[in-house]
Amino acid sequence: PAGGAAAQAPLFVPAPLGSFVDRPGEMRLLERQNGSLARHIQELEHAKCLAAAQSAQALRRLRARQERLRREQARAVQRAREVQEDVGPAPAPPRGWPLEARAPGEAEAG
């Protein structure tokens, strides 16, 4: 499982101290850069978590809205059916009206 070991390896490995014994300025610079890089990674991880939370929240809101719209649509269809039952079938247009005003498939008697 070399891949598993690589996945568990730390992001930053400290530089060997022996290579900086005679160059303290470079050692401090490297430490500052490593610290800065570590802070940037923490900030990116934090931003990633925030983005994931916002995305999940937006998805929940979207699904809730879709469900509300589905319920509203079902209620509107039910109300339309009830109104149609109360009113009864639509009367045929009077004789002489253009065919476009008649129900589909209805031929003009004449």
C-alpha atoms as a PDB file:
ATOM      1  CA  PRO A   1       0.000   0.000   0.000  1.00  0.00           C
ATOM      2  CA  ALA A   2       2.479   2.664  -1.095  1.00  0.00           C
ATOM      3  CA  GLY A   3      -0.432   4.848  -2.267  1.00  0.00           C
ATOM      4  CA  GLY A   4      -1.944   4.728   1.220  1.00  0.00           C
ATOM      5  CA  ALA A   5       1.325   5.825   2.785  1.00  0.00           C
ATOM      6  CA  ALA A   6       1.619   8.673   0.301  1.00  0.00           C
ATOM      7  CA  ALA A   7      -1.931   9.785   1.045  1.00  0.00           C
ATOM      8  CA  GLN A   8      -1.108   9.966   4.763  1.00  0.00           C
ATOM      9  CA  ALA A   9       2.162  11.848   4.319  1.00  0.00           C
ATOM     10  CA  PRO A  10       2.167  15.411   5.678  1.00  0.00           C
ATOM     11  CA  LEU A  11       1.869  18.259   3.217  1.00  0.00           C
ATOM     12  CA  PHE A  12       5.106  19.870   4.360  1.00  0.00           C
ATOM     13  CA  VAL A  13       8.279  18.171   5.420  1.00  0.00           C
ATOM     14  CA  PRO A  14      10.722  20.292   7.421  1.00  0.00           C
ATOM     15  CA  ALA A  15      13.943  21.024   5.605  1.00  0.00           C
ATOM     16  CA  PRO A  16      16.995  19.223   6.993  1.00  0.00           C
ATOM     17  CA  LEU A  17      18.513  21.537   9.578  1.00  0.00           C
ATOM     18  CA  GLY A  18      22.036  20.595   8.576  1.00  0.00           C
ATOM     19  CA  SER A  19      21.659  22.279   5.211  1.00  0.00           C
ATOM     20  CA  PHE A  20      20.840  25.633   6.885  1.00  0.00           C
ATOM     21  CA  VAL A  21      23.290  25.678   9.797  1.00  0.00           C
ATOM     22  CA  ASP A  22      25.593  28.091   8.025  1.00  0.00           C
ATOM     23  CA  ARG A  23      22.712  30.046   6.354  1.00  0.00           C
ATOM     24  CA  PRO A  24      20.323  31.258   9.074  1.00  0.00           C
ATOM     25  CA  GLY A  25      18.806  33.929   6.806  1.00  0.00           C
ATOM     26  CA  GLU A  26      17.712  31.332   4.277  1.00  0.00           C
ATOM     27  CA  MET A  27      16.374  29.157   7.110  1.00  0.00           C
ATOM     28  CA  ARG A  28      14.184  32.004   8.420  1.00  0.00           C
ATOM     29  CA  LEU A  29      12.975  32.780   4.891  1.00  0.00           C
ATOM     30  CA  LEU A  30      12.035  29.137   4.326  1.00  0.00           C
ATOM     31  CA  GLU A  31      10.238  28.988   7.686  1.00  0.00           C
ATOM     32  CA  ARG A  32       8.265  32.150   6.826  1.00  0.00           C
ATOM     33  CA  GLN A  33       7.353  30.771   3.406  1.00  0.00           C
ATOM     34  CA  ASN A  34       6.279  27.444   4.907  1.00  0.00           C
ATOM     35  CA  GLY A  35       4.191  29.241   7.531  1.00  0.00           C
ATOM     36  CA  SER A  36       2.602  31.440   4.897  1.00  0.00           C
ATOM     37  CA  LEU A  37       1.858  28.454   2.695  1.00  0.00           C
ATOM     38  CA  ALA A  38       0.330  26.569   5.635  1.00  0.00           C
ATOM     39  CA  ARG A  39      -1.928  29.559   6.435  1.00  0.00           C
ATOM     40  CA  HIS A  40      -3.033  29.806   2.802  1.00  0.00           C
ATOM     41  CA  ILE A  41      -3.891  26.117   2.774  1.00  0.00           C
ATOM     42  CA  GLN A  42      -5.914  26.523   5.981  1.00  0.00           C
ATOM     43  CA  GLU A  43      -7.751  29.490   4.454  1.00  0.00           C
ATOM     44  CA  LEU A  44      -8.473  27.493   1.299  1.00  0.00           C
ATOM     45  CA  GLU A  45      -9.774  24.548   3.331  1.00  0.00           C
ATOM     46  CA  HIS A  46     -11.984  26.924   5.310  1.00  0.00           C
ATOM     47  CA  ALA A  47     -13.296  28.524   2.111  1.00  0.00           C
ATOM     48  CA  LYS A  48     -13.927  25.072   0.668  1.00  0.00           C
ATOM     49  CA  CYS A  49     -15.967  24.103   3.743  1.00  0.00           C
ATOM     50  CA  LEU A  50     -17.960  27.335   3.541  1.00  0.00           C
ATOM     51  CA  ALA A  51     -18.644  26.804  -0.160  1.00  0.00           C
ATOM     52  CA  ALA A  52     -19.808  23.239   0.486  1.00  0.00           C
ATOM     53  CA  ALA A  53     -22.136  24.423   3.264  1.00  0.00           C
ATOM     54  CA  GLN A  54     -23.547  27.199   1.070  1.00  0.00           C
ATOM     55  CA  SER A  55     -24.033  24.776  -1.802  1.00  0.00           C
ATOM     56  CA  ALA A  56     -25.874  22.310   0.434  1.00  0.00           C
ATOM     57  CA  GLN A  57     -28.056  25.103   1.805  1.00  0.00           C
ATOM     58  CA  ALA A  58     -28.870  26.361  -1.698  1.00  0.00           C
ATOM     59  CA  LEU A  59     -29.748  22.830  -2.789  1.00  0.00           C
ATOM     60  CA  ARG A  60     -32.074  22.418   0.214  1.00  0.00           C
ATOM     61  CA  ARG A  61     -33.771  25.735  -0.617  1.00  0.00           C
ATOM     62  CA  LEU A  62     -34.125  24.732  -4.268  1.00  0.00           C
ATOM     63  CA  ARG A  63     -35.682  21.377  -3.373  1.00  0.00           C
ATOM     64  CA  ALA A  64     -38.046  23.022  -0.884  1.00  0.00           C
ATOM     65  CA  ARG A  65     -39.117  25.525  -3.550  1.00  0.00           C
ATOM     66  CA  GLN A  66     -39.658  22.744  -6.082  1.00  0.00           C
ATOM     67  CA  GLU A  67     -41.801  20.883  -3.551  1.00  0.00           C
ATOM     68  CA  ARG A  68     -43.858  24.022  -2.803  1.00  0.00           C
ATOM     69  CA  LEU A  69     -44.394  24.574  -6.532  1.00  0.00           C
ATOM     70  CA  ARG A  70     -45.415  20.939  -6.976  1.00  0.00           C
ATOM     71  CA  ARG A  71     -47.977  21.236  -4.150  1.00  0.00           C
ATOM     72  CA  GLU A  72     -49.289  24.547  -5.526  1.00  0.00           C
ATOM     73  CA  GLN A  73     -49.634  23.001  -8.971  1.00  0.00           C
ATOM     74  CA  ALA A  74     -51.509  19.999  -7.554  1.00  0.00           C
ATOM     75  CA  ARG A  75     -53.869  22.330  -5.652  1.00  0.00           C
ATOM     76  CA  ALA A  76     -54.462  24.446  -8.771  1.00  0.00           C
ATOM     77  CA  VAL A  77     -55.263  21.363 -10.851  1.00  0.00           C
ATOM     78  CA  GLN A  78     -57.630  20.113  -8.142  1.00  0.00           C
ATOM     79  CA  ARG A  79     -59.380  23.509  -7.952  1.00  0.00           C
ATOM     80  CA  ALA A  80     -59.713  23.589 -11.740  1.00  0.00           C
ATOM     81  CA  ARG A  81     -61.305  20.136 -11.691  1.00  0.00           C
ATOM     82  CA  GLU A  82     -63.709  21.185  -8.951  1.00  0.00           C
ATOM     83  CA  VAL A  83     -64.690  24.331 -10.844  1.00  0.00           C
ATOM     84  CA  GLN A  84     -65.150  22.337 -14.029  1.00  0.00           C
ATOM     85  CA  GLU A  85     -67.380  19.866 -12.173  1.00  0.00           C
ATOM     86  CA  ASP A  86     -69.455  22.735 -10.731  1.00  0.00           C
ATOM     87  CA  VAL A  87     -69.855  24.468 -14.089  1.00  0.00           C
ATOM     88  CA  GLY A  88     -70.346  21.365 -16.196  1.00  0.00           C
ATOM     89  CA  PRO A  89     -69.191  20.839 -19.762  1.00  0.00           C
ATOM     90  CA  ALA A  90     -68.662  23.898 -21.917  1.00  0.00           C
ATOM     91  CA  PRO A  91     -71.597  24.627 -24.232  1.00  0.00           C
ATOM     92  CA  ALA A  92     -71.088  24.267 -27.959  1.00  0.00           C
ATOM     93  CA  PRO A  93     -70.556  27.566 -29.780  1.00  0.00           C
ATOM     94  CA  PRO A  94     -73.626  28.920 -31.555  1.00  0.00           C
ATOM     95  CA  ARG A  95     -74.261  27.851 -35.098  1.00  0.00           C
ATOM     96  CA  GLY A  96     -72.484  29.996 -37.609  1.00  0.00           C
ATOM     97  CA  TRP A  97     -69.419  30.629 -35.471  1.00  0.00           C
ATOM     98  CA  PRO A  98     -66.106  30.011 -37.188  1.00  0.00           C
ATOM     99  CA  LEU A  99     -64.780  26.481 -36.913  1.00  0.00           C
ATOM    100  CA  GLU A 100     -61.793  27.741 -34.847  1.00  0.00           C
ATOM    101  CA  ALA A 101     -64.229  28.629 -32.057  1.00  0.00           C
ATOM    102  CA  ARG A 102     -65.662  25.113 -31.982  1.00  0.00           C
ATOM    103  CA  ALA A 103     -64.257  22.261 -29.969  1.00  0.00           C
ATOM    104  CA  PRO A 104     -61.639  20.171 -31.767  1.00  0.00           C
ATOM    105  CA  GLY A 105     -63.238  17.522 -33.937  1.00  0.00           C
ATOM    106  CA  GLU A 106     -66.642  19.208 -33.865  1.00  0.00           C
ATOM    107  CA  ALA A 107     -68.026  19.712 -37.342  1.00  0.00           C
ATOM    108  CA  GLU A 108     -70.466  22.417 -38.280  1.00  0.00           C
ATOM    109  CA  ALA A 109     -73.913  20.932 -38.755  1.00  0.00           C
ATOM    110  CA  GLY A 110     -75.539  22.315 -41.713  1.00  0.00           C
END
